[in-house]
Amino acid sequence: MPTRFKGVILAGVHQWVDSGLGRLVPRPLVPVIDHSLIEHVVAWMRGAGLNKATVCANSDTATIRRALGNGQTASVEIDYCEDVMPRGPAGCVKDAAASSDVAYFLVVDTTIIPSAIDLTAMLEAHVKQDAALTVAVTRSGDEDQIDNGHFAPAGVYVFSRRAVDAVAAAGYQDIKESLIPKLYAAGDKVVTHEIATRVPRVSCTSTYLTACSWVLNRRLQQREHVGSDFQRIGSALVHKSARVDPSAQLVGPVLIGADSLIESGVKIVGPTSVGPRCNVAQSAIVCRTHIWEGARIGSKSVLDRCIVTFGAEIPVETAQANRVFTSRHRERRGYGDDRHDGRDE
């Protein structure tokens, strides 16, 4: 069945709710533990047997193409569709489908991590029901009152060819606002596919931290997916090329990336990830923080619920919480309130 499907990855996403991270890297390329958001999507597709996908990234197309290339390293054949004028999600699917003769299209936006969705079951249900469009939905609402929540789109859709044909060839075309009403009016079948599990969505820095925690916990729970390059030390995953001083404490869930150095007296409390080629210096304390590639944490620093981005250097004896640090040593606003615009304080 997967050969009858092609992926369409919607990577031309809206701006972040708060813009601190958006200034550094396109959201699809933001690292969530040891893979970018878009790599999580591609790996999920590959796991279900889909081996072809089109990335629709609009103005970010060139940047994402440099990162993913033709998909050879991910074992998925990737091509790109760049619309000069914004076409909207449905419009992007229409344009991406023009170069393919497959019967069905799996459409995913790159603000989500779909790893826990049973993609095979969703594709089979779509074909069995002969639907024009299938919309994956999750229940929204408080975690402890989930039964009282409402259904909300999860960011995953399955298009039959006739749904693609219903999309206008020009102008901005949305899925929820334009396509679904049009299909209903034509009497065609639109169905929902309920996802029982949580689907993390990254829309701001606070949801980014939540998504990182979710991925890290899931990675540790699935022992068979640790990967040959990592070794498990208690409740931590440590890359075989990383160096961790025997006196350092890793209180999981924690991930230490390739070629990183964790010096003596360091205490790292999860959920925390340390990216490749990072240095956490002597006696630093790092809690609930995610550190991107090439960053350095000064000795005796204390960080809690922070994001330390590519190449940032934290001075010695820094004590901060709820901050985003950049490679220019500038401290971004706290992200407890998503109305902050990310400008320097």
C-alpha atoms as a PDB file:
ATOM      1  CA  MET A   1       0.000   0.000   0.000  1.00  0.00           C
ATOM      2  CA  PRO A   2       2.704   2.634   0.754  1.00  0.00           C
ATOM      3  CA  THR A   3       3.705   2.683  -2.928  1.00  0.00           C
ATOM      4  CA  ARG A   4       0.268   4.194  -3.704  1.00  0.00           C
ATOM      5  CA  PHE A   5       1.042   7.112  -1.373  1.00  0.00           C
ATOM      6  CA  LYS A   6       3.376  10.071  -1.514  1.00  0.00           C
ATOM      7  CA  GLY A   7       4.179  12.404   1.364  1.00  0.00           C
ATOM      8  CA  VAL A   8       3.629  16.155   1.206  1.00  0.00           C
ATOM      9  CA  ILE A   9       5.465  17.973   3.992  1.00  0.00           C
ATOM     10  CA  LEU A  10       4.142  21.465   4.737  1.00  0.00           C
ATOM     11  CA  ALA A  11       7.263  23.251   5.939  1.00  0.00           C
ATOM     12  CA  GLY A  12       6.247  26.827   5.120  1.00  0.00           C
ATOM     13  CA  VAL A  13       4.763  27.287   8.597  1.00  0.00           C
ATOM     14  CA  HIS A  14       3.614  30.466  10.318  1.00  0.00           C
ATOM     15  CA  GLN A  15       5.979  32.431  12.536  1.00  0.00           C
ATOM     16  CA  TRP A  16       6.535  31.474  16.146  1.00  0.00           C
ATOM     17  CA  VAL A  17       4.139  32.874  18.733  1.00  0.00           C
ATOM     18  CA  ASP A  18       7.221  34.437  20.340  1.00  0.00           C
ATOM     19  CA  SER A  19       9.986  35.242  17.905  1.00  0.00           C
ATOM     20  CA  GLY A  20      13.232  34.573  19.809  1.00  0.00           C
ATOM     21  CA  LEU A  21      13.906  31.199  18.179  1.00  0.00           C
ATOM     22  CA  GLY A  22      12.337  32.179  14.874  1.00  0.00           C
ATOM     23  CA  ARG A  23      15.159  34.614  14.264  1.00  0.00           C
ATOM     24  CA  LEU A  24      17.745  31.864  14.487  1.00  0.00           C
ATOM     25  CA  VAL A  25      16.497  29.066  12.251  1.00  0.00           C
ATOM     26  CA  PRO A  26      13.354  28.110  10.299  1.00  0.00           C
ATOM     27  CA  ARG A  27      11.053  26.199  12.620  1.00  0.00           C
ATOM     28  CA  PRO A  28      11.203  22.922  10.616  1.00  0.00           C
ATOM     29  CA  LEU A  29      14.954  22.835  11.291  1.00  0.00           C
ATOM     30  CA  VAL A  30      14.757  23.477  15.040  1.00  0.00           C
ATOM     31  CA  PRO A  31      16.461  20.552  16.836  1.00  0.00           C
ATOM     32  CA  VAL A  32      14.163  18.510  19.058  1.00  0.00           C
ATOM     33  CA  ILE A  33      16.597  16.306  20.990  1.00  0.00           C
ATOM     34  CA  ASP A  34      18.894  14.925  18.271  1.00  0.00           C
ATOM     35  CA  HIS A  35      16.778  15.494  15.131  1.00  0.00           C
ATOM     36  CA  SER A  36      15.102  18.533  13.628  1.00  0.00           C
ATOM     37  CA  LEU A  37      11.316  18.783  13.498  1.00  0.00           C
ATOM     38  CA  ILE A  38      11.230  17.957   9.799  1.00  0.00           C
ATOM     39  CA  GLU A  39      13.550  14.965  10.312  1.00  0.00           C
ATOM     40  CA  HIS A  40      11.078  13.580  12.864  1.00  0.00           C
ATOM     41  CA  VAL A  41       8.364  13.789  10.192  1.00  0.00           C
ATOM     42  CA  VAL A  42      10.515  12.164   7.499  1.00  0.00           C
ATOM     43  CA  ALA A  43      11.565   9.316   9.811  1.00  0.00           C
ATOM     44  CA  TRP A  44       7.924   8.669  10.744  1.00  0.00           C
ATOM     45  CA  MET A  45       6.967   8.430   7.071  1.00  0.00           C
ATOM     46  CA  ARG A  46       9.859   6.116   6.337  1.00  0.00           C
ATOM     47  CA  GLY A  47       8.867   3.881   9.243  1.00  0.00           C
ATOM     48  CA  ALA A  48       5.497   3.250   7.566  1.00  0.00           C
ATOM     49  CA  GLY A  49       7.103   2.439   4.225  1.00  0.00           C
ATOM     50  CA  LEU A  50       6.642   5.763   2.412  1.00  0.00           C
ATOM     51  CA  ASN A  51       9.766   6.463   0.425  1.00  0.00           C
ATOM     52  CA  LYS A  52       8.848   9.604  -1.543  1.00  0.00           C
ATOM     53  CA  ALA A  53       7.917  13.078  -0.326  1.00  0.00           C
ATOM     54  CA  THR A  54       7.639  16.638  -1.556  1.00  0.00           C
ATOM     55  CA  VAL A  55       8.633  19.459   0.797  1.00  0.00           C
ATOM     56  CA  CYS A  56       6.674  22.704   0.435  1.00  0.00           C
ATOM     57  CA  ALA A  57       8.666  25.374   2.243  1.00  0.00           C
ATOM     58  CA  ASN A  58       7.990  28.661   0.401  1.00  0.00           C
ATOM     59  CA  SER A  59      10.678  31.237   1.332  1.00  0.00           C
ATOM     60  CA  ASP A  60      12.586  28.706   3.457  1.00  0.00           C
ATOM     61  CA  THR A  61      12.939  26.198   0.617  1.00  0.00           C
ATOM     62  CA  ALA A  62      16.633  26.873  -0.095  1.00  0.00           C
ATOM     63  CA  THR A  63      17.594  26.595   3.590  1.00  0.00           C
ATOM     64  CA  ILE A  64      15.689  23.341   4.080  1.00  0.00           C
ATOM     65  CA  ARG A  65      17.040  21.919   0.819  1.00  0.00           C
ATOM     66  CA  ARG A  66      20.592  22.525   2.083  1.00  0.00           C
ATOM     67  CA  ALA A  67      19.758  20.656   5.291  1.00  0.00           C
ATOM     68  CA  LEU A  68      17.895  17.663   3.803  1.00  0.00           C
ATOM     69  CA  GLY A  69      19.202  17.464   0.260  1.00  0.00           C
ATOM     70  CA  ASN A  70      17.496  14.775  -1.788  1.00  0.00           C
ATOM     71  CA  GLY A  71      16.752  12.684   1.298  1.00  0.00           C
ATOM     72  CA  GLN A  72      19.373  10.044   0.571  1.00  0.00           C
ATOM     73  CA  THR A  73      20.626   9.916   4.175  1.00  0.00           C
ATOM     74  CA  ALA A  74      17.026   9.471   5.392  1.00  0.00           C
ATOM     75  CA  SER A  75      16.238   6.788   2.777  1.00  0.00           C
ATOM     76  CA  VAL A  76      13.349   8.901   1.462  1.00  0.00           C
ATOM     77  CA  GLU A  77      13.374  10.448  -2.005  1.00  0.00           C
ATOM     78  CA  ILE A  78      12.702  14.157  -1.434  1.00  0.00           C
ATOM     79  CA  ASP A  79      11.846  16.842  -3.952  1.00  0.00           C
ATOM     80  CA  TYR A  80      10.764  20.433  -3.392  1.00  0.00           C
ATOM     81  CA  CYS A  81       7.907  22.699  -4.400  1.00  0.00           C
ATOM     82  CA  GLU A  82       8.369  26.433  -3.901  1.00  0.00           C
ATOM     83  CA  ASP A  83       5.401  28.716  -4.559  1.00  0.00           C
ATOM     84  CA  VAL A  84       6.361  32.317  -5.224  1.00  0.00           C
ATOM     85  CA  MET A  85       3.034  33.506  -3.838  1.00  0.00           C
ATOM     86  CA  PRO A  86       1.574  31.900  -0.692  1.00  0.00           C
ATOM     87  CA  ARG A  87      -0.792  29.117  -1.746  1.00  0.00           C
ATOM     88  CA  GLY A  88      -1.966  27.914   1.640  1.00  0.00           C
ATOM     89  CA  PRO A  89      -1.883  24.274   2.816  1.00  0.00           C
ATOM     90  CA  ALA A  90      -4.374  22.919   0.265  1.00  0.00           C
ATOM     91  CA  GLY A  91      -2.798  24.958  -2.526  1.00  0.00           C
ATOM     92  CA  CYS A  92       0.615  23.535  -1.701  1.00  0.00           C
ATOM     93  CA  VAL A  93      -0.788  19.998  -1.873  1.00  0.00           C
ATOM     94  CA  LYS A  94      -2.327  20.762  -5.269  1.00  0.00           C
ATOM     95  CA  ASP A  95       0.957  22.076  -6.636  1.00  0.00           C
ATOM     96  CA  ALA A  96       3.030  19.249  -5.128  1.00  0.00           C
ATOM     97  CA  ALA A  97       0.675  16.624  -6.577  1.00  0.00           C
ATOM     98  CA  ALA A  98       1.016  17.979 -10.108  1.00  0.00           C
ATOM     99  CA  SER A  99       4.275  16.082 -10.678  1.00  0.00           C
ATOM    100  CA  SER A 100       3.055  12.746  -9.280  1.00  0.00           C
ATOM    101  CA  ASP A 101       0.626  10.097 -10.517  1.00  0.00           C
ATOM    102  CA  VAL A 102       0.027   8.330  -7.177  1.00  0.00           C
ATOM    103  CA  ALA A 103      -3.533   7.866  -5.927  1.00  0.00           C
ATOM    104  CA  TYR A 104      -3.118   9.238  -2.396  1.00  0.00           C
ATOM    105  CA  PHE A 105      -1.135  11.895  -0.561  1.00  0.00           C
ATOM    106  CA  LEU A 106      -0.159  11.950   3.099  1.00  0.00           C
ATOM    107  CA  VAL A 107       0.022  15.593   4.185  1.00  0.00           C
ATOM    108  CA  VAL A 108       1.841  16.615   7.368  1.00  0.00           C
ATOM    109  CA  ASP A 109       2.782  19.998   8.768  1.00  0.00           C
ATOM    110  CA  THR A 110       6.169  20.401  10.425  1.00  0.00           C
ATOM    111  CA  THR A 111       4.976  22.009  13.630  1.00  0.00           C
ATOM    112  CA  ILE A 112       4.171  18.564  15.025  1.00  0.00           C
ATOM    113  CA  ILE A 113       6.033  15.424  16.071  1.00  0.00           C
ATOM    114  CA  PRO A 114       3.855  12.591  14.729  1.00  0.00           C
ATOM    115  CA  SER A 115       6.008   9.707  15.986  1.00  0.00           C
ATOM    116  CA  ALA A 116       3.297   8.051  18.099  1.00  0.00           C
ATOM    117  CA  ILE A 117       0.619   8.090  15.379  1.00  0.00           C
ATOM    118  CA  ASP A 118      -0.043   4.702  13.784  1.00  0.00           C
ATOM    119  CA  LEU A 119       0.364   5.879  10.211  1.00  0.00           C
ATOM    120  CA  THR A 120      -0.308   2.479   8.638  1.00  0.00           C
ATOM    121  CA  ALA A 121      -3.677   2.257  10.399  1.00  0.00           C
ATOM    122  CA  MET A 122      -4.627   5.754   9.225  1.00  0.00           C
ATOM    123  CA  LEU A 123      -3.728   5.035   5.593  1.00  0.00           C
ATOM    124  CA  GLU A 124      -5.610   1.740   5.611  1.00  0.00           C
ATOM    125  CA  ALA A 125      -8.705   3.374   7.140  1.00  0.00           C
ATOM    126  CA  HIS A 126      -8.687   6.078   4.471  1.00  0.00           C
ATOM    127  CA  VAL A 127      -8.606   3.568   1.618  1.00  0.00           C
ATOM    128  CA  LYS A 128     -11.182   1.285   3.229  1.00  0.00           C
ATOM    129  CA  GLN A 129     -13.647   4.164   3.707  1.00  0.00           C
ATOM    130  CA  ASP A 130     -13.055   5.484   0.180  1.00  0.00           C
ATOM    131  CA  ALA A 131     -12.773   8.992   1.638  1.00  0.00           C
ATOM    132  CA  ALA A 132     -11.858  12.057  -0.347  1.00  0.00           C
ATOM    133  CA  LEU A 133     -10.116  13.503   2.701  1.00  0.00           C
ATOM    134  CA  THR A 134      -9.192  12.087   6.094  1.00  0.00           C
ATOM    135  CA  VAL A 135      -8.405  14.490   8.929  1.00  0.00           C
ATOM    136  CA  ALA A 136      -6.429  13.207  11.912  1.00  0.00           C
ATOM    137  CA  VAL A 137      -7.865  14.651  15.125  1.00  0.00           C
ATOM    138  CA  THR A 138      -6.997  14.600  18.796  1.00  0.00           C
ATOM    139  CA  ARG A 139      -9.030  15.572  21.818  1.00  0.00           C
ATOM    140  CA  SER A 140      -8.184  19.007  23.179  1.00  0.00           C
ATOM    141  CA  GLY A 141      -8.714  20.116  26.764  1.00  0.00           C
ATOM    142  CA  ASP A 142      -7.147  19.581  30.157  1.00  0.00           C
ATOM    143  CA  GLU A 143      -5.106  16.405  30.495  1.00  0.00           C
ATOM    144  CA  ASP A 144      -7.124  15.325  33.557  1.00  0.00           C
ATOM    145  CA  GLN A 145     -10.442  16.054  31.840  1.00  0.00           C
ATOM    146  CA  ILE A 146      -9.643  14.844  28.356  1.00  0.00           C
ATOM    147  CA  ASP A 147     -13.092  13.301  27.825  1.00  0.00           C
ATOM    148  CA  ASN A 148     -14.597  16.772  28.108  1.00  0.00           C
ATOM    149  CA  GLY A 149     -12.364  18.193  25.428  1.00  0.00           C
ATOM    150  CA  HIS A 150     -13.224  18.877  21.800  1.00  0.00           C
ATOM    151  CA  PHE A 151     -11.649  17.362  18.726  1.00  0.00           C
ATOM    152  CA  ALA A 152      -8.904  19.411  17.104  1.00  0.00           C
ATOM    153  CA  PRO A 153      -6.946  18.743  13.889  1.00  0.00           C
ATOM    154  CA  ALA A 154      -3.622  17.057  14.607  1.00  0.00           C
ATOM    155  CA  GLY A 155      -1.834  18.416  11.530  1.00  0.00           C
ATOM    156  CA  VAL A 156      -2.006  15.187   9.491  1.00  0.00           C
ATOM    157  CA  TYR A 157      -4.293  14.604   6.485  1.00  0.00           C
ATOM    158  CA  VAL A 158      -4.765  11.988   3.773  1.00  0.00           C
ATOM    159  CA  PHE A 159      -5.893  13.254   0.353  1.00  0.00           C
ATOM    160  CA  SER A 160      -7.369  11.098  -2.376  1.00  0.00           C
ATOM    161  CA  ARG A 161      -6.737  12.334  -5.891  1.00  0.00           C
ATOM    162  CA  ARG A 162     -10.280  13.694  -6.159  1.00  0.00           C
ATOM    163  CA  ALA A 163      -9.698  15.930  -3.123  1.00  0.00           C
ATOM    164  CA  VAL A 164      -6.599  17.304  -4.821  1.00  0.00           C
ATOM    165  CA  ASP A 165      -8.637  17.935  -7.986  1.00  0.00           C
ATOM    166  CA  ALA A 166     -11.147  19.958  -5.937  1.00  0.00           C
ATOM    167  CA  VAL A 167      -8.505  22.519  -4.930  1.00  0.00           C
ATOM    168  CA  ALA A 168      -8.415  25.692  -7.017  1.00  0.00           C
ATOM    169  CA  ALA A 169      -5.364  26.050  -9.245  1.00  0.00           C
ATOM    170  CA  ALA A 170      -4.660  29.639  -8.167  1.00  0.00           C
ATOM    171  CA  GLY A 171      -4.869  31.766  -5.049  1.00  0.00           C
ATOM    172  CA  TYR A 172      -4.594  30.978  -1.356  1.00  0.00           C
ATOM    173  CA  GLN A 173      -6.339  27.694  -0.543  1.00  0.00           C
ATOM    174  CA  ASP A 174      -6.779  26.465   3.025  1.00  0.00           C
ATOM    175  CA  ILE A 175      -7.765  22.935   4.048  1.00  0.00           C
ATOM    176  CA  LYS A 176     -10.201  23.764   6.859  1.00  0.00           C
ATOM    177  CA  GLU A 177     -11.561  27.045   5.509  1.00  0.00           C
ATOM    178  CA  SER A 178     -11.713  26.271   1.781  1.00  0.00           C
ATOM    179  CA  LEU A 179     -11.347  22.611   0.854  1.00  0.00           C
ATOM    180  CA  ILE A 180     -13.461  20.860   3.484  1.00  0.00           C
ATOM    181  CA  PRO A 181     -16.553  23.065   2.939  1.00  0.00           C
ATOM    182  CA  LYS A 182     -16.155  22.554  -0.809  1.00  0.00           C
ATOM    183  CA  LEU A 183     -16.029  18.771  -0.434  1.00  0.00           C
ATOM    184  CA  TYR A 184     -19.051  18.769   1.875  1.00  0.00           C
ATOM    185  CA  ALA A 185     -20.997  20.909  -0.592  1.00  0.00           C
ATOM    186  CA  ALA A 186     -20.193  18.435  -3.370  1.00  0.00           C
ATOM    187  CA  GLY A 187     -21.422  15.541  -1.227  1.00  0.00           C
ATOM    188  CA  ASP A 188     -18.011  13.933  -1.078  1.00  0.00           C
ATOM    189  CA  LYS A 189     -16.766  12.023   1.930  1.00  0.00           C
ATOM    190  CA  VAL A 190     -14.653  13.774   4.575  1.00  0.00           C
ATOM    191  CA  VAL A 191     -13.849  11.603   7.596  1.00  0.00           C
ATOM    192  CA  THR A 192     -11.938  12.010  10.831  1.00  0.00           C
ATOM    193  CA  HIS A 193      -9.383   9.589  12.217  1.00  0.00           C
ATOM    194  CA  GLU A 194      -9.052   9.912  15.981  1.00  0.00           C
ATOM    195  CA  ILE A 195      -5.542   9.727  17.383  1.00  0.00           C
ATOM    196  CA  ALA A 196      -5.631   8.290  20.878  1.00  0.00           C
ATOM    197  CA  THR A 197      -2.148   9.425  21.820  1.00  0.00           C
ATOM    198  CA  ARG A 198      -0.740  12.884  22.326  1.00  0.00           C
ATOM    199  CA  VAL A 199       0.692  14.725  19.310  1.00  0.00           C
ATOM    200  CA  PRO A 200       3.192  17.394  20.443  1.00  0.00           C
ATOM    201  CA  ARG A 201       3.039  20.677  18.542  1.00  0.00           C
ATOM    202  CA  VAL A 202       5.803  23.287  18.586  1.00  0.00           C
ATOM    203  CA  SER A 203       4.423  26.812  18.333  1.00  0.00           C
ATOM    204  CA  CYS A 204       6.461  28.749  20.930  1.00  0.00           C
ATOM    205  CA  THR A 205       9.381  28.244  23.254  1.00  0.00           C
ATOM    206  CA  SER A 206       7.309  26.747  26.070  1.00  0.00           C
ATOM    207  CA  THR A 207       5.725  24.145  23.769  1.00  0.00           C
ATOM    208  CA  TYR A 208       9.197  23.491  22.369  1.00  0.00           C
ATOM    209  CA  LEU A 209      10.401  22.477  25.828  1.00  0.00           C
ATOM    210  CA  THR A 210       7.336  20.281  26.280  1.00  0.00           C
ATOM    211  CA  ALA A 211       7.967  18.565  22.934  1.00  0.00           C
ATOM    212  CA  CYS A 212      11.620  17.936  23.812  1.00  0.00           C
ATOM    213  CA  SER A 213      10.580  16.325  27.097  1.00  0.00           C
ATOM    214  CA  TRP A 214       8.039  14.138  25.308  1.00  0.00           C
ATOM    215  CA  VAL A 215      10.548  12.932  22.715  1.00  0.00           C
ATOM    216  CA  LEU A 216      13.250  12.276  25.290  1.00  0.00           C
ATOM    217  CA  ASN A 217      10.962  10.282  27.575  1.00  0.00           C
ATOM    218  CA  ARG A 218       9.656   8.270  24.629  1.00  0.00           C
ATOM    219  CA  ARG A 219      13.185   7.558  23.438  1.00  0.00           C
ATOM    220  CA  LEU A 220      14.201   6.238  26.845  1.00  0.00           C
ATOM    221  CA  GLN A 221      11.074   4.117  27.200  1.00  0.00           C
ATOM    222  CA  GLN A 222      11.600   2.429  23.834  1.00  0.00           C
ATOM    223  CA  ARG A 223      14.747   0.541  24.653  1.00  0.00           C
ATOM    224  CA  GLU A 224      15.010  -1.076  21.235  1.00  0.00           C
ATOM    225  CA  HIS A 225      15.235   2.352  19.544  1.00  0.00           C
ATOM    226  CA  VAL A 226      18.159   3.710  21.559  1.00  0.00           C
ATOM    227  CA  GLY A 227      20.474   3.332  18.577  1.00  0.00           C
ATOM    228  CA  SER A 228      23.894   1.733  18.288  1.00  0.00           C
ATOM    229  CA  ASP A 229      25.727   5.056  18.758  1.00  0.00           C
ATOM    230  CA  PHE A 230      24.331   5.599  22.266  1.00  0.00           C
ATOM    231  CA  GLN A 231      24.829   3.737  25.492  1.00  0.00           C
ATOM    232  CA  ARG A 232      22.408   3.768  28.381  1.00  0.00           C
ATOM    233  CA  ILE A 233      23.832   4.927  31.707  1.00  0.00           C
ATOM    234  CA  GLY A 234      21.077   4.709  34.287  1.00  0.00           C
ATOM    235  CA  SER A 235      18.294   6.923  32.982  1.00  0.00           C
ATOM    236  CA  ALA A 236      20.575   8.735  30.529  1.00  0.00           C
ATOM    237  CA  LEU A 237      21.555   8.129  26.921  1.00  0.00           C
ATOM    238  CA  VAL A 238      25.186   9.028  26.249  1.00  0.00           C
ATOM    239  CA  HIS A 239      26.777   9.008  22.808  1.00  0.00           C
ATOM    240  CA  LYS A 240      29.756   6.689  22.646  1.00  0.00           C
ATOM    241  CA  SER A 241      32.016   9.539  21.548  1.00  0.00           C
ATOM    242  CA  ALA A 242      31.004  11.808  24.460  1.00  0.00           C
ATOM    243  CA  ARG A 243      33.186  12.142  27.549  1.00  0.00           C
ATOM    244  CA  VAL A 244      31.488  12.264  30.929  1.00  0.00           C
ATOM    245  CA  ASP A 245      33.643  12.727  34.020  1.00  0.00           C
ATOM    246  CA  PRO A 246      33.044   9.960  36.588  1.00  0.00           C
ATOM    247  CA  SER A 247      32.086  12.570  39.195  1.00  0.00           C
ATOM    248  CA  ALA A 248      29.328  14.089  37.028  1.00  0.00           C
ATOM    249  CA  GLN A 249      25.726  13.238  37.920  1.00  0.00           C
ATOM    250  CA  LEU A 250      23.143  12.528  35.212  1.00  0.00           C
ATOM    251  CA  VAL A 251      19.670  12.423  36.733  1.00  0.00           C
ATOM    252  CA  GLY A 252      17.446  11.348  33.846  1.00  0.00           C
ATOM    253  CA  PRO A 253      15.903  11.584  31.482  1.00  0.00           C
ATOM    254  CA  VAL A 254      19.071  13.027  29.927  1.00  0.00           C
ATOM    255  CA  LEU A 255      20.719  12.752  26.491  1.00  0.00           C
ATOM    256  CA  ILE A 256      24.368  13.653  25.821  1.00  0.00           C
ATOM    257  CA  GLY A 257      25.278  14.123  22.157  1.00  0.00           C
ATOM    258  CA  ALA A 258      28.319  13.176  20.109  1.00  0.00           C
ATOM    259  CA  ASP A 259      31.741  14.567  21.033  1.00  0.00           C
ATOM    260  CA  SER A 260      30.402  16.509  24.009  1.00  0.00           C
ATOM    261  CA  LEU A 261      32.379  16.970  27.222  1.00  0.00           C
ATOM    262  CA  ILE A 262      30.771  16.901  30.660  1.00  0.00           C
ATOM    263  CA  GLU A 263      33.364  17.962  33.211  1.00  0.00           C
ATOM    264  CA  SER A 264      33.873  17.107  36.868  1.00  0.00           C
ATOM    265  CA  GLY A 265      31.242  17.991  39.450  1.00  0.00           C
ATOM    266  CA  VAL A 266      28.557  18.719  36.854  1.00  0.00           C
ATOM    267  CA  LYS A 267      24.967  17.858  37.700  1.00  0.00           C
ATOM    268  CA  ILE A 268      22.444  17.473  34.873  1.00  0.00           C
ATOM    269  CA  VAL A 269      18.803  16.949  35.800  1.00  0.00           C
ATOM    270  CA  GLY A 270      16.254  15.883  33.200  1.00  0.00           C
ATOM    271  CA  PRO A 271      14.467  16.286  31.044  1.00  0.00           C
ATOM    272  CA  THR A 272      17.640  17.755  29.542  1.00  0.00           C
ATOM    273  CA  SER A 273      19.480  17.242  26.268  1.00  0.00           C
ATOM    274  CA  VAL A 274      23.016  18.275  25.393  1.00  0.00           C
ATOM    275  CA  GLY A 275      23.666  18.441  21.660  1.00  0.00           C
ATOM    276  CA  PRO A 276      26.790  17.434  19.745  1.00  0.00           C
ATOM    277  CA  ARG A 277      30.154  19.092  20.428  1.00  0.00           C
ATOM    278  CA  CYS A 278      29.032  20.881  23.591  1.00  0.00           C
ATOM    279  CA  ASN A 279      30.980  21.548  26.782  1.00  0.00           C
ATOM    280  CA  VAL A 280      29.453  21.718  30.250  1.00  0.00           C
ATOM    281  CA  ALA A 281      32.225  22.987  32.500  1.00  0.00           C
ATOM    282  CA  GLN A 282      33.122  22.076  36.081  1.00  0.00           C
ATOM    283  CA  SER A 283      30.447  22.174  38.774  1.00  0.00           C
ATOM    284  CA  ALA A 284      27.718  23.565  36.502  1.00  0.00           C
ATOM    285  CA  ILE A 285      24.113  22.601  37.279  1.00  0.00           C
ATOM    286  CA  VAL A 286      21.763  22.203  34.312  1.00  0.00           C
ATOM    287  CA  CYS A 287      18.083  21.384  34.889  1.00  0.00           C
ATOM    288  CA  ARG A 288      15.210  20.915  32.421  1.00  0.00           C
ATOM    289  CA  THR A 289      17.251  22.623  29.706  1.00  0.00           C
ATOM    290  CA  HIS A 290      18.012  21.893  26.052  1.00  0.00           C
ATOM    291  CA  ILE A 291      21.441  22.763  24.688  1.00  0.00           C
ATOM    292  CA  TRP A 292      22.039  22.931  20.947  1.00  0.00           C
ATOM    293  CA  GLU A 293      25.139  21.974  18.999  1.00  0.00           C
ATOM    294  CA  GLY A 294      28.417  23.668  19.844  1.00  0.00           C
ATOM    295  CA  ALA A 295      27.247  25.485  22.975  1.00  0.00           C
ATOM    296  CA  ARG A 296      29.399  25.963  26.085  1.00  0.00           C
ATOM    297  CA  ILE A 297      28.180  26.242  29.664  1.00  0.00           C
ATOM    298  CA  GLY A 298      30.562  28.039  32.026  1.00  0.00           C
ATOM    299  CA  SER A 299      31.739  26.531  35.288  1.00  0.00           C
ATOM    300  CA  LYS A 300      29.489  26.908  38.344  1.00  0.00           C
ATOM    301  CA  SER A 301      26.596  28.126  36.186  1.00  0.00           C
ATOM    302  CA  VAL A 302      23.037  27.198  37.133  1.00  0.00           C
ATOM    303  CA  LEU A 303      20.424  26.944  34.361  1.00  0.00           C
ATOM    304  CA  ASP A 304      16.792  25.872  34.710  1.00  0.00           C
ATOM    305  CA  ARG A 305      14.238  25.592  31.866  1.00  0.00           C
ATOM    306  CA  CYS A 306      16.524  27.334  29.409  1.00  0.00           C
ATOM    307  CA  ILE A 307      17.289  26.905  25.711  1.00  0.00           C
ATOM    308  CA  VAL A 308      20.933  27.401  24.778  1.00  0.00           C
ATOM    309  CA  THR A 309      21.143  27.738  21.007  1.00  0.00           C
ATOM    310  CA  PHE A 310      23.835  26.965  18.425  1.00  0.00           C
ATOM    311  CA  GLY A 311      27.298  27.993  19.598  1.00  0.00           C
ATOM    312  CA  ALA A 312      26.137  30.066  22.558  1.00  0.00           C
ATOM    313  CA  GLU A 313      28.591  30.524  25.415  1.00  0.00           C
ATOM    314  CA  ILE A 314      27.268  30.956  28.956  1.00  0.00           C
ATOM    315  CA  PRO A 315      29.687  32.872  31.214  1.00  0.00           C
ATOM    316  CA  VAL A 316      30.957  31.305  34.438  1.00  0.00           C
ATOM    317  CA  GLU A 317      28.698  31.463  37.479  1.00  0.00           C
ATOM    318  CA  THR A 318      25.640  32.473  35.451  1.00  0.00           C
ATOM    319  CA  ALA A 319      22.332  31.749  37.198  1.00  0.00           C
ATOM    320  CA  GLN A 320      19.246  31.969  34.995  1.00  0.00           C
ATOM    321  CA  ALA A 321      15.855  30.377  34.469  1.00  0.00           C
ATOM    322  CA  ASN A 322      13.339  30.556  31.603  1.00  0.00           C
ATOM    323  CA  ARG A 323      15.760  32.128  29.136  1.00  0.00           C
ATOM    324  CA  VAL A 324      16.848  31.629  25.535  1.00  0.00           C
ATOM    325  CA  PHE A 325      20.549  32.221  24.961  1.00  0.00           C
ATOM    326  CA  THR A 326      21.988  32.913  21.511  1.00  0.00           C
ATOM    327  CA  SER A 327      25.479  32.764  20.111  1.00  0.00           C
ATOM    328  CA  ARG A 328      25.746  36.555  20.382  1.00  0.00           C
ATOM    329  CA  HIS A 329      25.601  36.263  24.158  1.00  0.00           C
ATOM    330  CA  ARG A 330      22.282  38.068  24.183  1.00  0.00           C
ATOM    331  CA  GLU A 331      19.673  36.983  26.642  1.00  0.00           C
ATOM    332  CA  ARG A 332      16.159  36.716  25.269  1.00  0.00           C
ATOM    333  CA  ARG A 333      13.026  37.472  27.200  1.00  0.00           C
ATOM    334  CA  GLY A 334      11.503  34.817  29.403  1.00  0.00           C
ATOM    335  CA  TYR A 335       8.959  32.624  27.669  1.00  0.00           C
ATOM    336  CA  GLY A 336       6.536  32.076  30.504  1.00  0.00           C
ATOM    337  CA  ASP A 337       4.351  34.646  28.737  1.00  0.00           C
ATOM    338  CA  ASP A 338       4.049  33.931  25.009  1.00  0.00           C
ATOM    339  CA  ARG A 339       3.080  37.538  24.331  1.00  0.00           C
ATOM    340  CA  HIS A 340       6.735  38.519  24.667  1.00  0.00           C
ATOM    341  CA  ASP A 341       8.160  39.346  21.259  1.00  0.00           C
ATOM    342  CA  GLY A 342      11.653  38.002  21.853  1.00  0.00           C
ATOM    343  CA  ARG A 343      13.459  41.347  21.704  1.00  0.00           C
ATOM    344  CA  ASP A 344      16.391  41.953  24.001  1.00  0.00           C
ATOM    345  CA  GLU A 345      15.542  43.241  27.440  1.00  0.00           C
END
